[in-house]
Amino acid sequence: MYGIGCVHIALFYTSDGCSPPTWEGRAVNSVSAMLEWKSEGRAEGFAEGMAVGMQEARRSDLLKILRLRFPDIPSDIPTGIRGMKDLDQLSRWLEVALTAPTSEMFRAMAQDADGRANLRR
């Protein structure tokens, strides 16, 4: 009967049960390699989570500014903002939102700020 440690190791072998698995062209033959990959995965996940969090915060700030400055803002503008995933674009739109005198001027200025603007009618 196999112990718990043997079961865990067996899970990392190829389907034939004899060949050691590979990851990115390297043979997985040590616990340290597996721990290294686990650490790399955590770091990548953390970085992705930070990027998504920054996008959501910028999007939220932009929508709040627009609602405060322009209570009658057309619904397509918030919809376009919610669909934007480019943090730099959201930052440019935030700057425009602080200076535009009207919601229609915001739309025009945002489109001028970047040709990829998704705030068209």
PDB file of N, CA and C in Angstrom:
ATOM      1  N   MET A   1       0.854  -1.181   0.000  1.00  0.00           N
ATOM      2  CA  MET A   1       0.000   0.000   0.000  1.00  0.00           C
ATOM      3  C   MET A   1       0.894   1.236   0.000  1.00  0.00           C
ATOM      4  N   TYR A   2       0.514   2.237  -0.773  1.00  0.00           N
ATOM      5  CA  TYR A   2       1.286   3.465  -0.899  1.00  0.00           C
ATOM      6  C   TYR A   2       0.939   4.433   0.207  1.00  0.00           C
ATOM      7  N   GLY A   3       1.943   5.180   0.632  1.00  0.00           N
ATOM      8  CA  GLY A   3       1.708   6.240   1.604  1.00  0.00           C
ATOM      9  C   GLY A   3       1.222   7.499   0.908  1.00  0.00           C
ATOM     10  N   ILE A   4       0.839   8.476   1.658  1.00  0.00           N
ATOM     11  CA  ILE A   4       0.323   9.725   1.100  1.00  0.00           C
ATOM     12  C   ILE A   4       1.348  10.396   0.199  1.00  0.00           C
ATOM     13  N   GLY A   5       2.608  10.395   0.604  1.00  0.00           N
ATOM     14  CA  GLY A   5       3.660  11.012  -0.195  1.00  0.00           C
ATOM     15  C   GLY A   5       3.784  10.397  -1.572  1.00  0.00           C
ATOM     16  N   CYS A   6       3.629   9.084  -1.670  1.00  0.00           N
ATOM     17  CA  CYS A   6       3.709   8.401  -2.957  1.00  0.00           C
ATOM     18  C   CYS A   6       2.559   8.793  -3.866  1.00  0.00           C
ATOM     19  N   VAL A   7       1.386   8.970  -3.308  1.00  0.00           N
ATOM     20  CA  VAL A   7       0.233   9.354  -4.111  1.00  0.00           C
ATOM     21  C   VAL A   7       0.445  10.728  -4.717  1.00  0.00           C
ATOM     22  N   HIS A   8       0.947  11.663  -3.915  1.00  0.00           N
ATOM     23  CA  HIS A   8       1.184  13.011  -4.427  1.00  0.00           C
ATOM     24  C   HIS A   8       2.212  13.002  -5.546  1.00  0.00           C
ATOM     25  N   ILE A   9       3.270  12.237  -5.390  1.00  0.00           N
ATOM     26  CA  ILE A   9       4.300  12.186  -6.419  1.00  0.00           C
ATOM     27  C   ILE A   9       3.741  11.534  -7.675  1.00  0.00           C
ATOM     28  N   ALA A  10       2.957  10.489  -7.517  1.00  0.00           N
ATOM     29  CA  ALA A  10       2.396   9.785  -8.669  1.00  0.00           C
ATOM     30  C   ALA A  10       1.509  10.699  -9.506  1.00  0.00           C
ATOM     31  N   LEU A  11       0.859  11.647  -8.893  1.00  0.00           N
ATOM     32  CA  LEU A  11      -0.011  12.551  -9.624  1.00  0.00           C
ATOM     33  C   LEU A  11       0.744  13.426 -10.615  1.00  0.00           C
ATOM     34  N   PHE A  12       2.036  13.594 -10.410  1.00  0.00           N
ATOM     35  CA  PHE A  12       2.824  14.458 -11.269  1.00  0.00           C
ATOM     36  C   PHE A  12       3.522  13.699 -12.393  1.00  0.00           C
ATOM     37  N   TYR A  13       3.315  12.378 -12.500  1.00  0.00           N
ATOM     38  CA  TYR A  13       3.942  11.610 -13.557  1.00  0.00           C
ATOM     39  C   TYR A  13       3.037  11.525 -14.770  1.00  0.00           C
ATOM     40  N   THR A  14       3.617  11.216 -15.896  1.00  0.00           N
ATOM     41  CA  THR A  14       2.839  11.124 -17.129  1.00  0.00           C
ATOM     42  C   THR A  14       1.906   9.925 -17.065  1.00  0.00           C
ATOM     43  N   SER A  15       1.040   9.834 -18.044  1.00  0.00           N
ATOM     44  CA  SER A  15       0.015   8.788 -18.035  1.00  0.00           C
ATOM     45  C   SER A  15       0.605   7.377 -18.064  1.00  0.00           C
ATOM     46  N   ASP A  16       1.833   7.209 -18.600  1.00  0.00           N
ATOM     47  CA  ASP A  16       2.396   5.854 -18.608  1.00  0.00           C
ATOM     48  C   ASP A  16       2.951   5.461 -17.246  1.00  0.00           C
ATOM     49  N   GLY A  17       3.053   6.421 -16.333  1.00  0.00           N
ATOM     50  CA  GLY A  17       3.485   6.132 -14.971  1.00  0.00           C
ATOM     51  C   GLY A  17       4.974   5.928 -14.820  1.00  0.00           C
ATOM     52  N   CYS A  18       5.724   5.975 -15.912  1.00  0.00           N
ATOM     53  CA  CYS A  18       7.157   5.708 -15.839  1.00  0.00           C
ATOM     54  C   CYS A  18       8.009   6.940 -16.120  1.00  0.00           C
ATOM     55  N   SER A  19       7.574   7.739 -17.058  1.00  0.00           N
ATOM     56  CA  SER A  19       8.364   8.896 -17.470  1.00  0.00           C
ATOM     57  C   SER A  19       8.083  10.078 -16.549  1.00  0.00           C
ATOM     58  N   PRO A  20       9.130  10.794 -16.154  1.00  0.00           N
ATOM     59  CA  PRO A  20       8.864  11.996 -15.349  1.00  0.00           C
ATOM     60  C   PRO A  20       8.214  13.056 -16.223  1.00  0.00           C
ATOM     61  N   PRO A  21       7.325  13.844 -15.670  1.00  0.00           N
ATOM     62  CA  PRO A  21       6.661  14.894 -16.451  1.00  0.00           C
ATOM     63  C   PRO A  21       7.622  16.015 -16.800  1.00  0.00           C
ATOM     64  N   THR A  22       7.219  16.821 -17.763  1.00  0.00           N
ATOM     65  CA  THR A  22       8.007  17.994 -18.128  1.00  0.00           C
ATOM     66  C   THR A  22       7.133  19.226 -18.029  1.00  0.00           C
ATOM     67  N   TRP A  23       7.753  20.365 -17.839  1.00  0.00           N
ATOM     68  CA  TRP A  23       7.074  21.645 -17.784  1.00  0.00           C
ATOM     69  C   TRP A  23       7.975  22.633 -18.477  1.00  0.00           C
ATOM     70  N   GLU A  24       7.468  23.256 -19.526  1.00  0.00           N
ATOM     71  CA  GLU A  24       8.245  24.211 -20.310  1.00  0.00           C
ATOM     72  C   GLU A  24       9.581  23.610 -20.732  1.00  0.00           C
ATOM     73  N   GLY A  25       9.536  22.335 -21.153  1.00  0.00           N
ATOM     74  CA  GLY A  25      10.726  21.672 -21.657  1.00  0.00           C
ATOM     75  C   GLY A  25      11.676  21.147 -20.601  1.00  0.00           C
ATOM     76  N   ARG A  26      11.399  21.364 -19.331  1.00  0.00           N
ATOM     77  CA  ARG A  26      12.281  20.887 -18.265  1.00  0.00           C
ATOM     78  C   ARG A  26      11.629  19.707 -17.564  1.00  0.00           C
ATOM     79  N   ALA A  27      12.423  18.710 -17.243  1.00  0.00           N
ATOM     80  CA  ALA A  27      11.895  17.552 -16.525  1.00  0.00           C
ATOM     81  C   ALA A  27      11.593  17.960 -15.083  1.00  0.00           C
ATOM     82  N   VAL A  28      10.474  17.480 -14.619  1.00  0.00           N
ATOM     83  CA  VAL A  28      10.100  17.738 -13.227  1.00  0.00           C
ATOM     84  C   VAL A  28      10.581  16.542 -12.430  1.00  0.00           C
ATOM     85  N   ASN A  29      11.685  16.708 -11.762  1.00  0.00           N
ATOM     86  CA  ASN A  29      12.210  15.590 -11.006  1.00  0.00           C
ATOM     87  C   ASN A  29      12.571  15.984  -9.581  1.00  0.00           C
ATOM     88  N   SER A  30      12.078  17.126  -9.150  1.00  0.00           N
ATOM     89  CA  SER A  30      12.369  17.492  -7.773  1.00  0.00           C
ATOM     90  C   SER A  30      11.229  18.320  -7.190  1.00  0.00           C
ATOM     91  N   VAL A  31      11.136  18.234  -5.911  1.00  0.00           N
ATOM     92  CA  VAL A  31      10.132  19.006  -5.203  1.00  0.00           C
ATOM     93  C   VAL A  31      10.434  20.493  -5.334  1.00  0.00           C
ATOM     94  N   SER A  32      11.716  20.847  -5.375  1.00  0.00           N
ATOM     95  CA  SER A  32      12.068  22.269  -5.479  1.00  0.00           C
ATOM     96  C   SER A  32      11.576  22.860  -6.796  1.00  0.00           C
ATOM     97  N   ALA A  33      11.603  22.074  -7.871  1.00  0.00           N
ATOM     98  CA  ALA A  33      11.091  22.572  -9.151  1.00  0.00           C
ATOM     99  C   ALA A  33       9.600  22.823  -9.049  1.00  0.00           C
ATOM    100  N   MET A  34       8.874  21.912  -8.413  1.00  0.00           N
ATOM    101  CA  MET A  34       7.432  22.090  -8.256  1.00  0.00           C
ATOM    102  C   MET A  34       7.121  23.302  -7.388  1.00  0.00           C
ATOM    103  N   LEU A  35       7.892  23.505  -6.341  1.00  0.00           N
ATOM    104  CA  LEU A  35       7.682  24.671  -5.476  1.00  0.00           C
ATOM    105  C   LEU A  35       8.000  25.966  -6.211  1.00  0.00           C
ATOM    106  N   GLU A  36       9.007  25.928  -7.082  1.00  0.00           N
ATOM    107  CA  GLU A  36       9.359  27.103  -7.882  1.00  0.00           C
ATOM    108  C   GLU A  36       8.200  27.477  -8.806  1.00  0.00           C
ATOM    109  N   TRP A  37       7.594  26.480  -9.458  1.00  0.00           N
ATOM    110  CA  TRP A  37       6.469  26.743 -10.358  1.00  0.00           C
ATOM    111  C   TRP A  37       5.269  27.265  -9.582  1.00  0.00           C
ATOM    112  N   LYS A  38       5.069  26.726  -8.406  1.00  0.00           N
ATOM    113  CA  LYS A  38       3.962  27.196  -7.567  1.00  0.00           C
ATOM    114  C   LYS A  38       4.166  28.665  -7.217  1.00  0.00           C
ATOM    115  N   SER A  39       5.391  29.018  -6.872  1.00  0.00           N
ATOM    116  CA  SER A  39       5.712  30.404  -6.545  1.00  0.00           C
ATOM    117  C   SER A  39       5.537  31.319  -7.756  1.00  0.00           C
ATOM    118  N   GLU A  40       5.994  30.861  -8.929  1.00  0.00           N
ATOM    119  CA  GLU A  40       5.830  31.650 -10.149  1.00  0.00           C
ATOM    120  C   GLU A  40       4.346  31.862 -10.460  1.00  0.00           C
ATOM    121  N   GLY A  41       3.567  30.809 -10.280  1.00  0.00           N
ATOM    122  CA  GLY A  41       2.131  30.909 -10.525  1.00  0.00           C
ATOM    123  C   GLY A  41       1.465  31.905  -9.596  1.00  0.00           C
ATOM    124  N   ARG A  42       1.865  31.896  -8.336  1.00  0.00           N
ATOM    125  CA  ARG A  42       1.308  32.860  -7.385  1.00  0.00           C
ATOM    126  C   ARG A  42       1.664  34.282  -7.780  1.00  0.00           C
ATOM    127  N   ALA A  43       2.917  34.494  -8.176  1.00  0.00           N
ATOM    128  CA  ALA A  43       3.358  35.841  -8.560  1.00  0.00           C
ATOM    129  C   ALA A  43       2.591  36.326  -9.791  1.00  0.00           C
ATOM    130  N   GLU A  44       2.407  35.441 -10.767  1.00  0.00           N
ATOM    131  CA  GLU A  44       1.658  35.829 -11.971  1.00  0.00           C
ATOM    132  C   GLU A  44       0.211  36.134 -11.631  1.00  0.00           C
ATOM    133  N   GLY A  45      -0.386  35.308 -10.781  1.00  0.00           N
ATOM    134  CA  GLY A  45      -1.772  35.535 -10.368  1.00  0.00           C
ATOM    135  C   GLY A  45      -1.919  36.831  -9.604  1.00  0.00           C
ATOM    136  N   PHE A  46      -0.951  37.131  -8.752  1.00  0.00           N
ATOM    137  CA  PHE A  46      -0.979  38.373  -7.982  1.00  0.00           C
ATOM    138  C   PHE A  46      -0.896  39.575  -8.913  1.00  0.00           C
ATOM    139  N   ALA A  47       0.017  39.517  -9.892  1.00  0.00           N
ATOM    140  CA  ALA A  47       0.179  40.630 -10.835  1.00  0.00           C
ATOM    141  C   ALA A  47      -1.092  40.834 -11.655  1.00  0.00           C
ATOM    142  N   GLU A  48      -1.698  39.738 -12.111  1.00  0.00           N
ATOM    143  CA  GLU A  48      -2.936  39.856 -12.879  1.00  0.00           C
ATOM    144  C   GLU A  48      -4.053  40.438 -12.018  1.00  0.00           C
ATOM    145  N   GLY A  49      -4.126  40.000 -10.776  1.00  0.00           N
ATOM    146  CA  GLY A  49      -5.141  40.523  -9.862  1.00  0.00           C
ATOM    147  C   GLY A  49      -4.955  42.008  -9.600  1.00  0.00           C
ATOM    148  N   MET A  50      -3.715  42.436  -9.464  1.00  0.00           N
ATOM    149  CA  MET A  50      -3.435  43.860  -9.261  1.00  0.00           C
ATOM    150  C   MET A  50      -3.865  44.674 -10.473  1.00  0.00           C
ATOM    151  N   ALA A  51      -3.570  44.184 -11.661  1.00  0.00           N
ATOM    152  CA  ALA A  51      -3.932  44.907 -12.889  1.00  0.00           C
ATOM    153  C   ALA A  51      -5.449  45.036 -13.006  1.00  0.00           C
ATOM    154  N   VAL A  52      -6.155  43.959 -12.735  1.00  0.00           N
ATOM    155  CA  VAL A  52      -7.619  43.994 -12.806  1.00  0.00           C
ATOM    156  C   VAL A  52      -8.170  44.942 -11.742  1.00  0.00           C
ATOM    157  N   GLY A  53      -7.594  44.899 -10.554  1.00  0.00           N
ATOM    158  CA  GLY A  53      -8.035  45.801  -9.489  1.00  0.00           C
ATOM    159  C   GLY A  53      -7.805  47.267  -9.832  1.00  0.00           C
ATOM    160  N   MET A  54      -6.675  47.569 -10.463  1.00  0.00           N
ATOM    161  CA  MET A  54      -6.394  48.948 -10.859  1.00  0.00           C
ATOM    162  C   MET A  54      -7.368  49.413 -11.937  1.00  0.00           C
ATOM    163  N   GLN A  55      -7.680  48.524 -12.883  1.00  0.00           N
ATOM    164  CA  GLN A  55      -8.652  48.874 -13.925  1.00  0.00           C
ATOM    165  C   GLN A  55     -10.010  49.161 -13.303  1.00  0.00           C
ATOM    166  N   GLU A  56     -10.428  48.302 -12.398  1.00  0.00           N
ATOM    167  CA  GLU A  56     -11.749  48.473 -11.782  1.00  0.00           C
ATOM    168  C   GLU A  56     -11.804  49.754 -10.953  1.00  0.00           C
ATOM    169  N   ALA A  57     -10.734  50.068 -10.239  1.00  0.00           N
ATOM    170  CA  ALA A  57     -10.695  51.298  -9.441  1.00  0.00           C
ATOM    171  C   ALA A  57     -10.741  52.532 -10.341  1.00  0.00           C
ATOM    172  N   ARG A  58      -9.970  52.532 -11.428  1.00  0.00           N
ATOM    173  CA  ARG A  58      -9.955  53.666 -12.348  1.00  0.00           C
ATOM    174  C   ARG A  58     -11.332  53.831 -12.993  1.00  0.00           C
ATOM    175  N   ARG A  59     -11.923  52.719 -13.399  1.00  0.00           N
ATOM    176  CA  ARG A  59     -13.257  52.738 -14.002  1.00  0.00           C
ATOM    177  C   ARG A  59     -14.274  53.305 -13.020  1.00  0.00           C
ATOM    178  N   SER A  60     -14.219  52.859 -11.780  1.00  0.00           N
ATOM    179  CA  SER A  60     -15.146  53.320 -10.746  1.00  0.00           C
ATOM    180  C   SER A  60     -14.975  54.815 -10.476  1.00  0.00           C
ATOM    181  N   ASP A  61     -13.731  55.268 -10.376  1.00  0.00           N
ATOM    182  CA  ASP A  61     -13.465  56.698 -10.146  1.00  0.00           C
ATOM    183  C   ASP A  61     -13.989  57.540 -11.304  1.00  0.00           C
ATOM    184  N   LEU A  62     -13.755  57.083 -12.519  1.00  0.00           N
ATOM    185  CA  LEU A  62     -14.209  57.807 -13.699  1.00  0.00           C
ATOM    186  C   LEU A  62     -15.733  57.914 -13.729  1.00  0.00           C
ATOM    187  N   LEU A  63     -16.410  56.819 -13.467  1.00  0.00           N
ATOM    188  CA  LEU A  63     -17.880  56.833 -13.460  1.00  0.00           C
ATOM    189  C   LEU A  63     -18.424  57.740 -12.360  1.00  0.00           C
ATOM    190  N   LYS A  64     -17.781  57.739 -11.212  1.00  0.00           N
ATOM    191  CA  LYS A  64     -18.220  58.589 -10.104  1.00  0.00           C
ATOM    192  C   LYS A  64     -18.075  60.068 -10.459  1.00  0.00           C
ATOM    193  N   ILE A  65     -16.948  60.432 -11.043  1.00  0.00           N
ATOM    194  CA  ILE A  65     -16.715  61.823 -11.449  1.00  0.00           C
ATOM    195  C   ILE A  65     -17.762  62.248 -12.479  1.00  0.00           C
ATOM    196  N   LEU A  66     -18.000  61.394 -13.457  1.00  0.00           N
ATOM    197  CA  LEU A  66     -18.977  61.739 -14.499  1.00  0.00           C
ATOM    198  C   LEU A  66     -20.381  61.879 -13.930  1.00  0.00           C
ATOM    199  N   ARG A  67     -20.770  60.994 -13.015  1.00  0.00           N
ATOM    200  CA  ARG A  67     -22.113  61.093 -12.413  1.00  0.00           C
ATOM    201  C   ARG A  67     -22.259  62.356 -11.572  1.00  0.00           C
ATOM    202  N   LEU A  68     -21.202  62.743 -10.878  1.00  0.00           N
ATOM    203  CA  LEU A  68     -21.251  63.959 -10.061  1.00  0.00           C
ATOM    204  C   LEU A  68     -21.268  65.217 -10.927  1.00  0.00           C
ATOM    205  N   ARG A  69     -20.467  65.213 -11.984  1.00  0.00           N
ATOM    206  CA  ARG A  69     -20.384  66.404 -12.833  1.00  0.00           C
ATOM    207  C   ARG A  69     -21.544  66.517 -13.805  1.00  0.00           C
ATOM    208  N   PHE A  70     -22.014  65.375 -14.304  1.00  0.00           N
ATOM    209  CA  PHE A  70     -23.055  65.370 -15.335  1.00  0.00           C
ATOM    210  C   PHE A  70     -24.153  64.376 -14.956  1.00  0.00           C
ATOM    211  N   PRO A  71     -25.080  64.760 -14.089  1.00  0.00           N
ATOM    212  CA  PRO A  71     -26.128  63.820 -13.656  1.00  0.00           C
ATOM    213  C   PRO A  71     -26.968  63.278 -14.814  1.00  0.00           C
ATOM    214  N   ASP A  72     -27.042  63.999 -15.916  1.00  0.00           N
ATOM    215  CA  ASP A  72     -27.850  63.573 -17.061  1.00  0.00           C
ATOM    216  C   ASP A  72     -27.014  62.887 -18.146  1.00  0.00           C
ATOM    217  N   ILE A  73     -25.909  62.277 -17.770  1.00  0.00           N
ATOM    218  CA  ILE A  73     -24.996  61.682 -18.750  1.00  0.00           C
ATOM    219  C   ILE A  73     -25.708  60.590 -19.557  1.00  0.00           C
ATOM    220  N   PRO A  74     -25.527  60.587 -20.876  1.00  0.00           N
ATOM    221  CA  PRO A  74     -26.149  59.549 -21.705  1.00  0.00           C
ATOM    222  C   PRO A  74     -25.657  58.156 -21.293  1.00  0.00           C
ATOM    223  N   SER A  75     -26.552  57.189 -21.324  1.00  0.00           N
ATOM    224  CA  SER A  75     -26.235  55.847 -20.816  1.00  0.00           C
ATOM    225  C   SER A  75     -25.147  55.126 -21.605  1.00  0.00           C
ATOM    226  N   ASP A  76     -24.927  55.514 -22.858  1.00  0.00           N
ATOM    227  CA  ASP A  76     -23.895  54.830 -23.637  1.00  0.00           C
ATOM    228  C   ASP A  76     -22.484  55.162 -23.155  1.00  0.00           C
ATOM    229  N   ILE A  77     -22.312  56.296 -22.500  1.00  0.00           N
ATOM    230  CA  ILE A  77     -20.974  56.652 -22.013  1.00  0.00           C
ATOM    231  C   ILE A  77     -20.552  55.712 -20.879  1.00  0.00           C
ATOM    232  N   PRO A  78     -21.354  55.544 -19.820  1.00  0.00           N
ATOM    233  CA  PRO A  78     -20.960  54.570 -18.790  1.00  0.00           C
ATOM    234  C   PRO A  78     -20.810  53.151 -19.342  1.00  0.00           C
ATOM    235  N   THR A  79     -21.625  52.788 -20.316  1.00  0.00           N
ATOM    236  CA  THR A  79     -21.515  51.456 -20.919  1.00  0.00           C
ATOM    237  C   THR A  79     -20.157  51.293 -21.604  1.00  0.00           C
ATOM    238  N   GLY A  80     -19.737  52.305 -22.342  1.00  0.00           N
ATOM    239  CA  GLY A  80     -18.418  52.268 -22.992  1.00  0.00           C
ATOM    240  C   GLY A  80     -17.285  52.207 -21.990  1.00  0.00           C
ATOM    241  N   ILE A  81     -17.431  52.913 -20.898  1.00  0.00           N
ATOM    242  CA  ILE A  81     -16.396  52.916 -19.855  1.00  0.00           C
ATOM    243  C   ILE A  81     -16.310  51.543 -19.197  1.00  0.00           C
ATOM    244  N   ARG A  82     -17.460  50.947 -18.895  1.00  0.00           N
ATOM    245  CA  ARG A  82     -17.456  49.619 -18.265  1.00  0.00           C
ATOM    246  C   ARG A  82     -16.814  48.565 -19.156  1.00  0.00           C
ATOM    247  N   GLY A  83     -16.881  48.751 -20.464  1.00  0.00           N
ATOM    248  CA  GLY A  83     -16.293  47.787 -21.393  1.00  0.00           C
ATOM    249  C   GLY A  83     -14.810  47.995 -21.657  1.00  0.00           C
ATOM    250  N   MET A  84     -14.252  49.116 -21.214  1.00  0.00           N
ATOM    251  CA  MET A  84     -12.845  49.423 -21.487  1.00  0.00           C
ATOM    252  C   MET A  84     -11.939  48.695 -20.494  1.00  0.00           C
ATOM    253  N   LYS A  85     -10.940  47.987 -21.018  1.00  0.00           N
ATOM    254  CA  LYS A  85     -10.003  47.249 -20.174  1.00  0.00           C
ATOM    255  C   LYS A  85      -8.594  47.851 -20.184  1.00  0.00           C
ATOM    256  N   ASP A  86      -8.375  48.850 -21.028  1.00  0.00           N
ATOM    257  CA  ASP A  86      -7.065  49.483 -21.156  1.00  0.00           C
ATOM    258  C   ASP A  86      -6.909  50.552 -20.067  1.00  0.00           C
ATOM    259  N   LEU A  87      -6.002  50.311 -19.133  1.00  0.00           N
ATOM    260  CA  LEU A  87      -5.809  51.219 -18.006  1.00  0.00           C
ATOM    261  C   LEU A  87      -5.342  52.598 -18.465  1.00  0.00           C
ATOM    262  N   ASP A  88      -4.479  52.660 -19.461  1.00  0.00           N
ATOM    263  CA  ASP A  88      -4.018  53.956 -19.970  1.00  0.00           C
ATOM    264  C   ASP A  88      -5.173  54.756 -20.568  1.00  0.00           C
ATOM    265  N   GLN A  89      -6.033  54.064 -21.305  1.00  0.00           N
ATOM    266  CA  GLN A  89      -7.199  54.729 -21.892  1.00  0.00           C
ATOM    267  C   GLN A  89      -8.106  55.272 -20.782  1.00  0.00           C
ATOM    268  N   LEU A  90      -8.361  54.459 -19.774  1.00  0.00           N
ATOM    269  CA  LEU A  90      -9.196  54.909 -18.656  1.00  0.00           C
ATOM    270  C   LEU A  90      -8.579  56.120 -17.958  1.00  0.00           C
ATOM    271  N   SER A  91      -7.265  56.141 -17.849  1.00  0.00           N
ATOM    272  CA  SER A  91      -6.571  57.287 -17.231  1.00  0.00           C
ATOM    273  C   SER A  91      -6.745  58.549 -18.054  1.00  0.00           C
ATOM    274  N   ARG A  92      -6.633  58.413 -19.380  1.00  0.00           N
ATOM    275  CA  ARG A  92      -6.837  59.589 -20.237  1.00  0.00           C
ATOM    276  C   ARG A  92      -8.272  60.094 -20.112  1.00  0.00           C
ATOM    277  N   TRP A  93      -9.227  59.174 -20.078  1.00  0.00           N
ATOM    278  CA  TRP A  93     -10.631  59.573 -19.943  1.00  0.00           C
ATOM    279  C   TRP A  93     -10.889  60.227 -18.593  1.00  0.00           C
ATOM    280  N   LEU A  94     -10.201  59.775 -17.559  1.00  0.00           N
ATOM    281  CA  LEU A  94     -10.354  60.388 -16.232  1.00  0.00           C
ATOM    282  C   LEU A  94      -9.903  61.846 -16.279  1.00  0.00           C
ATOM    283  N   GLU A  95      -8.778  62.102 -16.909  1.00  0.00           N
ATOM    284  CA  GLU A  95      -8.284  63.473 -17.041  1.00  0.00           C
ATOM    285  C   GLU A  95      -9.283  64.336 -17.823  1.00  0.00           C
ATOM    286  N   VAL A  96      -9.841  63.777 -18.878  1.00  0.00           N
ATOM    287  CA  VAL A  96     -10.825  64.510 -19.681  1.00  0.00           C
ATOM    288  C   VAL A  96     -12.070  64.792 -18.845  1.00  0.00           C
ATOM    289  N   ALA A  97     -12.495  63.824 -18.051  1.00  0.00           N
ATOM    290  CA  ALA A  97     -13.700  63.990 -17.223  1.00  0.00           C
ATOM    291  C   ALA A  97     -13.548  65.137 -16.229  1.00  0.00           C
ATOM    292  N   LEU A  98     -12.337  65.405 -15.809  1.00  0.00           N
ATOM    293  CA  LEU A  98     -12.104  66.493 -14.851  1.00  0.00           C
ATOM    294  C   LEU A  98     -12.156  67.872 -15.497  1.00  0.00           C
ATOM    295  N   THR A  99     -11.994  67.928 -16.819  1.00  0.00           N
ATOM    296  CA  THR A  99     -11.923  69.238 -17.476  1.00  0.00           C
ATOM    297  C   THR A  99     -13.065  69.533 -18.447  1.00  0.00           C
ATOM    298  N   ALA A 100     -13.775  68.526 -18.889  1.00  0.00           N
ATOM    299  CA  ALA A 100     -14.844  68.740 -19.876  1.00  0.00           C
ATOM    300  C   ALA A 100     -15.999  69.522 -19.253  1.00  0.00           C
ATOM    301  N   PRO A 101     -16.512  70.554 -19.943  1.00  0.00           N
ATOM    302  CA  PRO A 101     -17.599  71.354 -19.385  1.00  0.00           C
ATOM    303  C   PRO A 101     -18.977  70.674 -19.458  1.00  0.00           C
ATOM    304  N   THR A 102     -19.165  69.735 -20.405  1.00  0.00           N
ATOM    305  CA  THR A 102     -20.441  69.034 -20.545  1.00  0.00           C
ATOM    306  C   THR A 102     -20.166  67.569 -20.882  1.00  0.00           C
ATOM    307  N   SER A 103     -21.205  66.736 -20.782  1.00  0.00           N
ATOM    308  CA  SER A 103     -21.027  65.324 -21.118  1.00  0.00           C
ATOM    309  C   SER A 103     -20.723  65.146 -22.612  1.00  0.00           C
ATOM    310  N   GLU A 104     -21.325  65.973 -23.453  1.00  0.00           N
ATOM    311  CA  GLU A 104     -21.041  65.887 -24.884  1.00  0.00           C
ATOM    312  C   GLU A 104     -19.612  66.330 -25.185  1.00  0.00           C
ATOM    313  N   MET A 105     -19.129  67.325 -24.443  1.00  0.00           N
ATOM    314  CA  MET A 105     -17.727  67.735 -24.612  1.00  0.00           C
ATOM    315  C   MET A 105     -16.806  66.631 -24.094  1.00  0.00           C
ATOM    316  N   PHE A 106     -17.219  65.960 -23.030  1.00  0.00           N
ATOM    317  CA  PHE A 106     -16.425  64.821 -22.548  1.00  0.00           C
ATOM    318  C   PHE A 106     -16.283  63.793 -23.667  1.00  0.00           C
ATOM    319  N   ARG A 107     -17.396  63.467 -24.326  1.00  0.00           N
ATOM    320  CA  ARG A 107     -17.369  62.488 -25.411  1.00  0.00           C
ATOM    321  C   ARG A 107     -16.392  62.933 -26.503  1.00  0.00           C
ATOM    322  N   ALA A 108     -16.513  64.188 -26.932  1.00  0.00           N
ATOM    323  CA  ALA A 108     -15.655  64.699 -28.007  1.00  0.00           C
ATOM    324  C   ALA A 108     -14.191  64.745 -27.578  1.00  0.00           C
ATOM    325  N   MET A 109     -13.945  65.227 -26.378  1.00  0.00           N
ATOM    326  CA  MET A 109     -12.565  65.319 -25.890  1.00  0.00           C
ATOM    327  C   MET A 109     -11.956  63.936 -25.671  1.00  0.00           C
ATOM    328  N   ALA A 110     -12.760  62.988 -25.211  1.00  0.00           N
ATOM    329  CA  ALA A 110     -12.263  61.627 -25.004  1.00  0.00           C
ATOM    330  C   ALA A 110     -11.893  60.994 -26.332  1.00  0.00           C
ATOM    331  N   GLN A 111     -12.679  61.243 -27.352  1.00  0.00           N
ATOM    332  CA  GLN A 111     -12.365  60.703 -28.673  1.00  0.00           C
ATOM    333  C   GLN A 111     -11.105  61.351 -29.236  1.00  0.00           C
ATOM    334  N   ASP A 112     -10.903  62.627 -28.950  1.00  0.00           N
ATOM    335  CA  ASP A 112      -9.678  63.289 -29.387  1.00  0.00           C
ATOM    336  C   ASP A 112      -8.466  62.780 -28.614  1.00  0.00           C
ATOM    337  N   ALA A 113      -8.678  62.443 -27.334  1.00  0.00           N
ATOM    338  CA  ALA A 113      -7.573  61.990 -26.489  1.00  0.00           C
ATOM    339  C   ALA A 113      -6.994  60.664 -26.978  1.00  0.00           C
ATOM    340  N   ASP A 114      -7.832  59.867 -27.603  1.00  0.00           N
ATOM    341  CA  ASP A 114      -7.347  58.589 -28.116  1.00  0.00           C
ATOM    342  C   ASP A 114      -8.279  58.112 -29.212  1.00  0.00           C
ATOM    343  N   GLY A 115      -7.746  57.790 -30.355  1.00  0.00           N
ATOM    344  CA  GLY A 115      -8.548  57.370 -31.492  1.00  0.00           C
ATOM    345  C   GLY A 115      -9.326  56.086 -31.268  1.00  0.00           C
ATOM    346  N   ARG A 116      -8.967  55.318 -30.236  1.00  0.00           N
ATOM    347  CA  ARG A 116      -9.654  54.059 -29.978  1.00  0.00           C
ATOM    348  C   ARG A 116     -10.849  54.249 -29.054  1.00  0.00           C
ATOM    349  N   ALA A 117     -11.242  55.457 -28.794  1.00  0.00           N
ATOM    350  CA  ALA A 117     -12.332  55.720 -27.844  1.00  0.00           C
ATOM    351  C   ALA A 117     -13.603  54.978 -28.239  1.00  0.00           C
ATOM    352  N   ASN A 118     -14.226  54.369 -27.245  1.00  0.00           N
ATOM    353  CA  ASN A 118     -15.463  53.607 -27.477  1.00  0.00           C
ATOM    354  C   ASN A 118     -16.660  54.367 -26.936  1.00  0.00           C
ATOM    355  N   LEU A 119     -16.675  55.662 -27.094  1.00  0.00           N
ATOM    356  CA  LEU A 119     -17.755  56.479 -26.534  1.00  0.00           C
ATOM    357  C   LEU A 119     -18.566  57.099 -27.642  1.00  0.00           C
ATOM    358  N   ARG A 120     -18.709  56.425 -28.722  1.00  0.00           N
ATOM    359  CA  ARG A 120     -19.478  56.943 -29.856  1.00  0.00           C
ATOM    360  C   ARG A 120     -20.963  56.713 -29.626  1.00  0.00           C
ATOM    361  N   ARG A 121     -21.782  57.589 -30.229  1.00  0.00           N
ATOM    362  CA  ARG A 121     -23.234  57.451 -30.094  1.00  0.00           C
ATOM    363  C   ARG A 121     -23.716  56.261 -30.854  1.00  0.00           C
TER     364      ARG A 121
END
